PDB file of N, CA and C in Angstrom:
ATOM      1  N   UNK A   1      -6.700   5.491  11.338  1.00  0.00           N
ATOM      2  CA  UNK A   1      -5.875   5.608  12.606  1.00  0.00           C
ATOM      3  C   UNK A   1      -6.269   6.858  13.203  1.00  0.00           C
ATOM      4  N   UNK A   2      -5.723   6.877  14.578  1.00  0.00           N
ATOM      5  CA  UNK A   2      -6.189   8.344  15.334  1.00  0.00           C
ATOM      6  C   UNK A   2      -5.133   9.173  14.904  1.00  0.00           C
ATOM      7  N   UNK A   3      -5.484  10.420  15.066  1.00  0.00           N
ATOM      8  CA  UNK A   3      -4.491  11.590  14.912  1.00  0.00           C
ATOM      9  C   UNK A   3      -3.463  11.328  15.656  1.00  0.00           C
ATOM     10  N   UNK A   4      -3.383  10.992  17.056  1.00  0.00           N
ATOM     11  CA  UNK A   4      -2.471  10.822  17.948  1.00  0.00           C
ATOM     12  C   UNK A   4      -1.281   9.986  17.525  1.00  0.00           C
ATOM     13  N   UNK A   5      -1.573   9.137  16.566  1.00  0.00           N
ATOM     14  CA  UNK A   5      -0.607   8.113  16.364  1.00  0.00           C
ATOM     15  C   UNK A   5       0.059   8.409  14.857  1.00  0.00           C
ATOM     16  N   UNK A   6      -0.505   9.394  14.196  1.00  0.00           N
ATOM     17  CA  UNK A   6       0.182   9.844  12.847  1.00  0.00           C
ATOM     18  C   UNK A   6       1.691  10.243  12.963  1.00  0.00           C
ATOM     19  N   UNK A   7       2.177  10.129  11.929  1.00  0.00           N
ATOM     20  CA  UNK A   7       3.773  10.699  11.603  1.00  0.00           C
ATOM     21  C   UNK A   7       4.571   9.873  12.721  1.00  0.00           C
ATOM     22  N   UNK A   8       4.174   8.580  12.964  1.00  0.00           N
ATOM     23  CA  UNK A   8       5.199   7.675  13.541  1.00  0.00           C
ATOM     24  C   UNK A   8       5.732   6.682  12.920  1.00  0.00           C
ATOM     25  N   UNK A   9       5.563   6.514  11.839  1.00  0.00           N
ATOM     26  CA  UNK A   9       5.812   5.451  10.784  1.00  0.00           C
ATOM     27  C   UNK A   9       5.133   4.058  11.181  1.00  0.00           C
ATOM     28  N   UNK A  10       3.946   4.042  12.029  1.00  0.00           N
ATOM     29  CA  UNK A  10       3.297   2.948  12.349  1.00  0.00           C
ATOM     30  C   UNK A  10       2.607   2.151  11.258  1.00  0.00           C
ATOM     31  N   UNK A  11       1.989   3.049  10.194  1.00  0.00           N
ATOM     32  CA  UNK A  11       1.253   2.588   9.048  1.00  0.00           C
ATOM     33  C   UNK A  11       2.295   1.747   8.225  1.00  0.00           C
ATOM     34  N   UNK A  12       3.502   2.400   8.023  1.00  0.00           N
ATOM     35  CA  UNK A  12       4.542   1.772   7.056  1.00  0.00           C
ATOM     36  C   UNK A  12       5.019   0.329   7.576  1.00  0.00           C
ATOM     37  N   UNK A  13       4.976   0.259   9.160  1.00  0.00           N
ATOM     38  CA  UNK A  13       5.560  -1.007   9.657  1.00  0.00           C
ATOM     39  C   UNK A  13       4.511  -2.037   9.496  1.00  0.00           C
ATOM     40  N   UNK A  14       3.331  -1.687   9.921  1.00  0.00           N
ATOM     41  CA  UNK A  14       2.223  -2.696   9.653  1.00  0.00           C
ATOM     42  C   UNK A  14       2.276  -2.879   8.473  1.00  0.00           C
ATOM     43  N   UNK A  15       2.013  -2.243   7.282  1.00  0.00           N
ATOM     44  CA  UNK A  15       1.752  -2.574   6.016  1.00  0.00           C
ATOM     45  C   UNK A  15       2.965  -3.543   5.490  1.00  0.00           C
ATOM     46  N   UNK A  16       4.316  -3.299   5.877  1.00  0.00           N
ATOM     47  CA  UNK A  16       5.400  -4.185   5.600  1.00  0.00           C
ATOM     48  C   UNK A  16       5.233  -5.533   6.131  1.00  0.00           C
ATOM     49  N   UNK A  17       4.711  -5.481   7.061  1.00  0.00           N
ATOM     50  CA  UNK A  17       4.634  -6.809   7.701  1.00  0.00           C
ATOM     51  C   UNK A  17       3.671  -7.589   7.227  1.00  0.00           C
ATOM     52  N   UNK A  18       2.402  -6.932   6.748  1.00  0.00           N
ATOM     53  CA  UNK A  18       1.582  -7.239   5.683  1.00  0.00           C
ATOM     54  C   UNK A  18       2.147  -7.932   4.533  1.00  0.00           C
ATOM     55  N   UNK A  19       2.726  -7.177   3.752  1.00  0.00           N
ATOM     56  CA  UNK A  19       3.168  -7.268   2.740  1.00  0.00           C
ATOM     57  C   UNK A  19       4.227  -8.411   2.728  1.00  0.00           C
ATOM     58  N   UNK A  20       4.910  -8.717   3.689  1.00  0.00           N
ATOM     59  CA  UNK A  20       5.900  -9.615   3.626  1.00  0.00           C
ATOM     60  C   UNK A  20       5.037 -11.066   3.926  1.00  0.00           C
ATOM     61  N   UNK A  21       4.023 -11.016   4.765  1.00  0.00           N
ATOM     62  CA  UNK A  21       3.086 -12.324   5.246  1.00  0.00           C
ATOM     63  C   UNK A  21       2.452 -12.560   3.744  1.00  0.00           C
ATOM     64  N   UNK A  22       1.867 -11.692   3.066  1.00  0.00           N
ATOM     65  CA  UNK A  22       1.434 -12.039   1.601  1.00  0.00           C
ATOM     66  C   UNK A  22       2.053 -12.705   0.775  1.00  0.00           C
ATOM     67  N   UNK A  23       3.392 -12.045   0.556  1.00  0.00           N
ATOM     68  CA  UNK A  23       4.532 -12.803  -0.459  1.00  0.00           C
ATOM     69  C   UNK A  23       5.168 -14.078   0.193  1.00  0.00           C
ATOM     70  N   UNK A  24       5.310 -14.350   1.407  1.00  0.00           N
ATOM     71  CA  UNK A  24       6.444 -15.283   1.950  1.00  0.00           C
ATOM     72  C   UNK A  24       5.692 -16.327   2.512  1.00  0.00           C
ATOM     73  N   UNK A  25       4.426 -15.889   3.174  1.00  0.00           N
ATOM     74  CA  UNK A  25       3.617 -17.021   3.968  1.00  0.00           C
ATOM     75  C   UNK A  25       2.325 -17.627   3.060  1.00  0.00           C
ATOM     76  N   UNK A  26       1.667 -16.561   2.579  1.00  0.00           N
ATOM     77  CA  UNK A  26       0.446 -16.747   1.420  1.00  0.00           C
ATOM     78  C   UNK A  26       0.932 -17.126   0.091  1.00  0.00           C
ATOM     79  N   UNK A  27       2.043 -16.779  -0.238  1.00  0.00           N
ATOM     80  CA  UNK A  27       2.602 -17.223  -1.552  1.00  0.00           C
ATOM     81  C   UNK A  27       2.021 -16.636  -2.551  1.00  0.00           C
ATOM     82  N   UNK A  28       1.636 -15.268  -2.385  1.00  0.00           N
ATOM     83  CA  UNK A  28       0.919 -14.344  -3.450  1.00  0.00           C
ATOM     84  C   UNK A  28       2.047 -13.779  -4.441  1.00  0.00           C
ATOM     85  N   UNK A  29       1.856 -13.515  -5.662  1.00  0.00           N
ATOM     86  CA  UNK A  29       2.691 -13.028  -6.557  1.00  0.00           C
ATOM     87  C   UNK A  29       2.332 -11.561  -6.781  1.00  0.00           C
ATOM     88  N   UNK A  30       1.181 -11.107  -6.564  1.00  0.00           N
ATOM     89  CA  UNK A  30       0.995  -9.455  -6.817  1.00  0.00           C
ATOM     90  C   UNK A  30       0.066  -9.039  -5.701  1.00  0.00           C
ATOM     91  N   UNK A  31       0.267  -7.811  -5.369  1.00  0.00           N
ATOM     92  CA  UNK A  31      -0.822  -7.024  -4.476  1.00  0.00           C
ATOM     93  C   UNK A  31      -1.335  -5.920  -5.114  1.00  0.00           C
ATOM     94  N   UNK A  32      -2.639  -5.694  -4.744  1.00  0.00           N
ATOM     95  CA  UNK A  32      -3.035  -4.422  -5.232  1.00  0.00           C
ATOM     96  C   UNK A  32      -3.708  -3.654  -4.072  1.00  0.00           C
ATOM     97  N   UNK A  33      -3.667  -2.133  -4.172  1.00  0.00           N
ATOM     98  CA  UNK A  33      -3.931  -1.763  -3.067  1.00  0.00           C
ATOM     99  C   UNK A  33      -4.805  -0.490  -3.539  1.00  0.00           C
ATOM    100  N   UNK A  34      -5.605   0.240  -2.642  1.00  0.00           N
ATOM    101  CA  UNK A  34      -6.332   1.151  -3.077  1.00  0.00           C
ATOM    102  C   UNK A  34      -6.250   2.449  -1.976  1.00  0.00           C
ATOM    103  N   UNK A  35      -6.382   3.576  -2.412  1.00  0.00           N
ATOM    104  CA  UNK A  35      -6.400   4.815  -1.668  1.00  0.00           C
ATOM    105  C   UNK A  35      -7.349   5.658  -2.217  1.00  0.00           C
ATOM    106  N   UNK A  36      -8.125   6.422  -1.470  1.00  0.00           N
ATOM    107  CA  UNK A  36      -8.885   7.607  -1.674  1.00  0.00           C
ATOM    108  C   UNK A  36      -8.124   8.630  -2.132  1.00  0.00           C
ATOM    109  N   UNK A  37      -8.394   9.178  -3.219  1.00  0.00           N
ATOM    110  CA  UNK A  37      -7.454  10.106  -3.714  1.00  0.00           C
ATOM    111  C   UNK A  37      -7.226  11.399  -3.080  1.00  0.00           C
ATOM    112  N   UNK A  38      -8.218  11.701  -1.972  1.00  0.00           N
ATOM    113  CA  UNK A  38      -7.821  12.914  -1.106  1.00  0.00           C
ATOM    114  C   UNK A  38      -7.027  12.161   0.178  1.00  0.00           C
ATOM    115  N   UNK A  39      -6.705  10.973   0.490  1.00  0.00           N
ATOM    116  CA  UNK A  39      -6.107  10.432   1.544  1.00  0.00           C
ATOM    117  C   UNK A  39      -4.402  10.506   1.176  1.00  0.00           C
ATOM    118  N   UNK A  40      -3.862  11.717   1.112  1.00  0.00           N
ATOM    119  CA  UNK A  40      -2.577  11.784   0.509  1.00  0.00           C
ATOM    120  C   UNK A  40      -1.683  11.151   1.515  1.00  0.00           C
ATOM    121  N   UNK A  41      -1.791  10.989   2.950  1.00  0.00           N
ATOM    122  CA  UNK A  41      -1.183  10.105   3.960  1.00  0.00           C
ATOM    123  C   UNK A  41      -0.848   8.526   3.195  1.00  0.00           C
ATOM    124  N   UNK A  42      -2.200   8.033   2.959  1.00  0.00           N
ATOM    125  CA  UNK A  42      -2.056   6.547   2.673  1.00  0.00           C
ATOM    126  C   UNK A  42      -1.478   6.581   1.159  1.00  0.00           C
ATOM    127  N   UNK A  43      -1.610   7.265   0.446  1.00  0.00           N
ATOM    128  CA  UNK A  43      -0.883   7.331  -0.868  1.00  0.00           C
ATOM    129  C   UNK A  43       0.545   7.375  -0.854  1.00  0.00           C
ATOM    130  N   UNK A  44       1.059   8.424   0.210  1.00  0.00           N
ATOM    131  CA  UNK A  44       2.600   8.443   0.237  1.00  0.00           C
ATOM    132  C   UNK A  44       3.069   7.298   1.005  1.00  0.00           C
ATOM    133  N   UNK A  45       2.084   6.480   1.825  1.00  0.00           N
ATOM    134  CA  UNK A  45       2.738   4.965   2.491  1.00  0.00           C
ATOM    135  C   UNK A  45       2.672   4.101   1.655  1.00  0.00           C
ATOM    136  N   UNK A  46       1.916   4.081   0.304  1.00  0.00           N
ATOM    137  CA  UNK A  46       1.946   3.090  -0.665  1.00  0.00           C
ATOM    138  C   UNK A  46       3.264   3.184  -1.360  1.00  0.00           C
ATOM    139  N   UNK A  47       3.301   4.547  -1.781  1.00  0.00           N
ATOM    140  CA  UNK A  47       4.457   4.726  -2.736  1.00  0.00           C
ATOM    141  C   UNK A  47       5.826   4.390  -1.956  1.00  0.00           C
ATOM    142  N   UNK A  48       5.646   4.857  -1.045  1.00  0.00           N
ATOM    143  CA  UNK A  48       6.996   4.693   0.099  1.00  0.00           C
ATOM    144  C   UNK A  48       7.370   2.973   0.124  1.00  0.00           C
ATOM    145  N   UNK A  49       6.503   2.343   0.160  1.00  0.00           N
ATOM    146  CA  UNK A  49       6.614   0.740  -0.013  1.00  0.00           C
ATOM    147  C   UNK A  49       6.755   0.138  -1.051  1.00  0.00           C
ATOM    148  N   UNK A  50       6.720   1.105  -2.232  1.00  0.00           N
ATOM    149  CA  UNK A  50       7.123   0.426  -3.416  1.00  0.00           C
ATOM    150  C   UNK A  50       5.824   0.460  -4.188  1.00  0.00           C
ATOM    151  N   UNK A  51       4.865   0.292  -3.898  1.00  0.00           N
ATOM    152  CA  UNK A  51       3.741   0.404  -5.066  1.00  0.00           C
ATOM    153  C   UNK A  51       3.529   1.040  -5.759  1.00  0.00           C
ATOM    154  N   UNK A  52       3.452   0.758  -7.184  1.00  0.00           N
ATOM    155  CA  UNK A  52       3.305   1.438  -8.414  1.00  0.00           C
ATOM    156  C   UNK A  52       1.912   1.901  -8.702  1.00  0.00           C
ATOM    157  N   UNK A  53       1.642   3.454  -9.048  1.00  0.00           N
ATOM    158  CA  UNK A  53       0.207   3.788  -9.335  1.00  0.00           C
ATOM    159  C   UNK A  53      -0.181   3.040 -10.591  1.00  0.00           C
ATOM    160  N   UNK A  54      -1.219   2.296 -10.680  1.00  0.00           N
ATOM    161  CA  UNK A  54      -1.833   1.853 -11.763  1.00  0.00           C
ATOM    162  C   UNK A  54      -2.791   2.601 -12.663  1.00  0.00           C
ATOM    163  N   UNK A  55      -3.780   3.371 -11.939  1.00  0.00           N
ATOM    164  CA  UNK A  55      -4.916   3.748 -12.400  1.00  0.00           C
ATOM    165  C   UNK A  55      -5.932   4.543 -11.342  1.00  0.00           C
ATOM    166  N   UNK A  56      -6.713   5.276 -11.806  1.00  0.00           N
ATOM    167  CA  UNK A  56      -7.484   5.913 -11.029  1.00  0.00           C
ATOM    168  C   UNK A  56      -9.031   5.330 -11.496  1.00  0.00           C
ATOM    169  N   UNK A  57      -9.839   5.137 -10.512  1.00  0.00           N
ATOM    170  CA  UNK A  57     -11.540   4.766 -10.658  1.00  0.00           C
ATOM    171  C   UNK A  57     -12.246   5.098  -9.554  1.00  0.00           C
ATOM    172  N   UNK A  58     -13.503   4.758  -9.791  1.00  0.00           N
ATOM    173  CA  UNK A  58     -14.535   5.164  -8.824  1.00  0.00           C
ATOM    174  C   UNK A  58     -14.796   3.687  -8.169  1.00  0.00           C
ATOM    175  N   UNK A  59     -14.606   3.718  -6.730  1.00  0.00           N
ATOM    176  CA  UNK A  59     -14.672   2.533  -5.941  1.00  0.00           C
ATOM    177  C   UNK A  59     -15.614   2.867  -4.962  1.00  0.00           C
ATOM    178  N   UNK A  60     -16.946   2.284  -4.888  1.00  0.00           N
ATOM    179  CA  UNK A  60     -17.665   2.534  -3.619  1.00  0.00           C
ATOM    180  C   UNK A  60     -18.249   3.787  -3.653  1.00  0.00           C
ATOM    181  N   UNK A  61     -18.311   4.434  -4.579  1.00  0.00           N
ATOM    182  CA  UNK A  61     -18.778   5.901  -4.814  1.00  0.00           C
ATOM    183  C   UNK A  61     -17.804   6.987  -4.613  1.00  0.00           C
ATOM    184  N   UNK A  62     -16.466   6.450  -4.380  1.00  0.00           N
ATOM    185  CA  UNK A  62     -15.322   7.533  -4.086  1.00  0.00           C
ATOM    186  C   UNK A  62     -14.213   7.278  -5.084  1.00  0.00           C
ATOM    187  N   UNK A  63     -13.688   8.340  -5.638  1.00  0.00           N
ATOM    188  CA  UNK A  63     -12.869   8.405  -6.515  1.00  0.00           C
ATOM    189  C   UNK A  63     -11.210   8.054  -6.032  1.00  0.00           C
ATOM    190  N   UNK A  64     -10.686   6.667  -6.350  1.00  0.00           N
ATOM    191  CA  UNK A  64      -9.634   5.805  -5.719  1.00  0.00           C
ATOM    192  C   UNK A  64      -8.252   5.988  -6.557  1.00  0.00           C
ATOM    193  N   UNK A  65      -7.294   5.905  -6.375  1.00  0.00           N
ATOM    194  CA  UNK A  65      -6.367   5.496  -6.668  1.00  0.00           C
ATOM    195  C   UNK A  65      -5.633   4.042  -6.525  1.00  0.00           C
ATOM    196  N   UNK A  66      -5.463   3.270  -7.452  1.00  0.00           N
ATOM    197  CA  UNK A  66      -5.371   2.126  -7.670  1.00  0.00           C
ATOM    198  C   UNK A  66      -3.449   1.845  -7.797  1.00  0.00           C
ATOM    199  N   UNK A  67      -2.922   0.945  -6.939  1.00  0.00           N
ATOM    200  CA  UNK A  67      -1.531   0.657  -6.801  1.00  0.00           C
ATOM    201  C   UNK A  67      -1.196  -0.705  -7.057  1.00  0.00           C
ATOM    202  N   UNK A  68      -0.053  -1.258  -7.724  1.00  0.00           N
ATOM    203  CA  UNK A  68       0.161  -2.574  -7.887  1.00  0.00           C
ATOM    204  C   UNK A  68       1.605  -2.699  -7.318  1.00  0.00           C
ATOM    205  N   UNK A  69       1.998  -3.993  -6.701  1.00  0.00           N
ATOM    206  CA  UNK A  69       3.208  -4.266  -6.307  1.00  0.00           C
ATOM    207  C   UNK A  69       3.523  -5.773  -6.653  1.00  0.00           C
ATOM    208  N   UNK A  70       4.528  -5.889  -7.313  1.00  0.00           N
ATOM    209  CA  UNK A  70       4.921  -7.434  -7.620  1.00  0.00           C
ATOM    210  C   UNK A  70       5.828  -8.008  -6.451  1.00  0.00           C
ATOM    211  N   UNK A  71       5.732  -9.366  -6.161  1.00  0.00           N
ATOM    212  CA  UNK A  71       6.862  -9.980  -5.344  1.00  0.00           C
ATOM    213  C   UNK A  71       8.248  -9.464  -5.702  1.00  0.00           C
ATOM    214  N   UNK A  72       8.480  -9.531  -6.838  1.00  0.00           N
ATOM    215  CA  UNK A  72       9.956  -9.465  -6.970  1.00  0.00           C
ATOM    216  C   UNK A  72      10.382  -7.698  -6.718  1.00  0.00           C
ATOM    217  N   UNK A  73       9.282  -6.995  -7.070  1.00  0.00           N
ATOM    218  CA  UNK A  73       9.663  -5.610  -6.735  1.00  0.00           C
ATOM    219  C   UNK A  73       9.862  -5.143  -5.405  1.00  0.00           C
ATOM    220  N   UNK A  74       9.200  -6.168  -4.216  1.00  0.00           N
ATOM    221  CA  UNK A  74       9.156  -6.133  -2.917  1.00  0.00           C
ATOM    222  C   UNK A  74      10.413  -6.688  -2.592  1.00  0.00           C
ATOM    223  N   UNK A  75      11.053  -7.725  -3.012  1.00  0.00           N
ATOM    224  CA  UNK A  75      12.281  -8.333  -2.502  1.00  0.00           C
ATOM    225  C   UNK A  75      13.459  -7.442  -2.990  1.00  0.00           C
ATOM    226  N   UNK A  76      13.421  -6.740  -4.135  1.00  0.00           N
ATOM    227  CA  UNK A  76      14.502  -5.856  -4.373  1.00  0.00           C
ATOM    228  C   UNK A  76      14.588  -4.829  -3.287  1.00  0.00           C
ATOM    229  N   UNK A  77      13.333  -4.377  -2.370  1.00  0.00           N
ATOM    230  CA  UNK A  77      13.496  -3.209  -1.565  1.00  0.00           C
ATOM    231  C   UNK A  77      14.056  -3.824   0.108  1.00  0.00           C
ATOM    232  N   UNK A  78      13.924  -5.210  -0.042  1.00  0.00           N
ATOM    233  CA  UNK A  78      14.663  -5.663   1.319  1.00  0.00           C
ATOM    234  C   UNK A  78      15.993  -5.525   1.306  1.00  0.00           C
TER     235      UNK A  78
END
């Protein structure tokens, strides 16, 4: 996202709509998300949305944090 659009809650709103679509339309039971360890803004968005930190691993040559969320956890937040 371009810096001019940071700190407006856009990423949170878009991600919330995406999560709702995945659970309610696609019928998925669990979601997994990845964020580069240095991308603190993305990590904060994932945590704000209710994703739980699972573990850290190297993905495509970059150290990343892996997060999970189940449908039931998302529904509790609505």
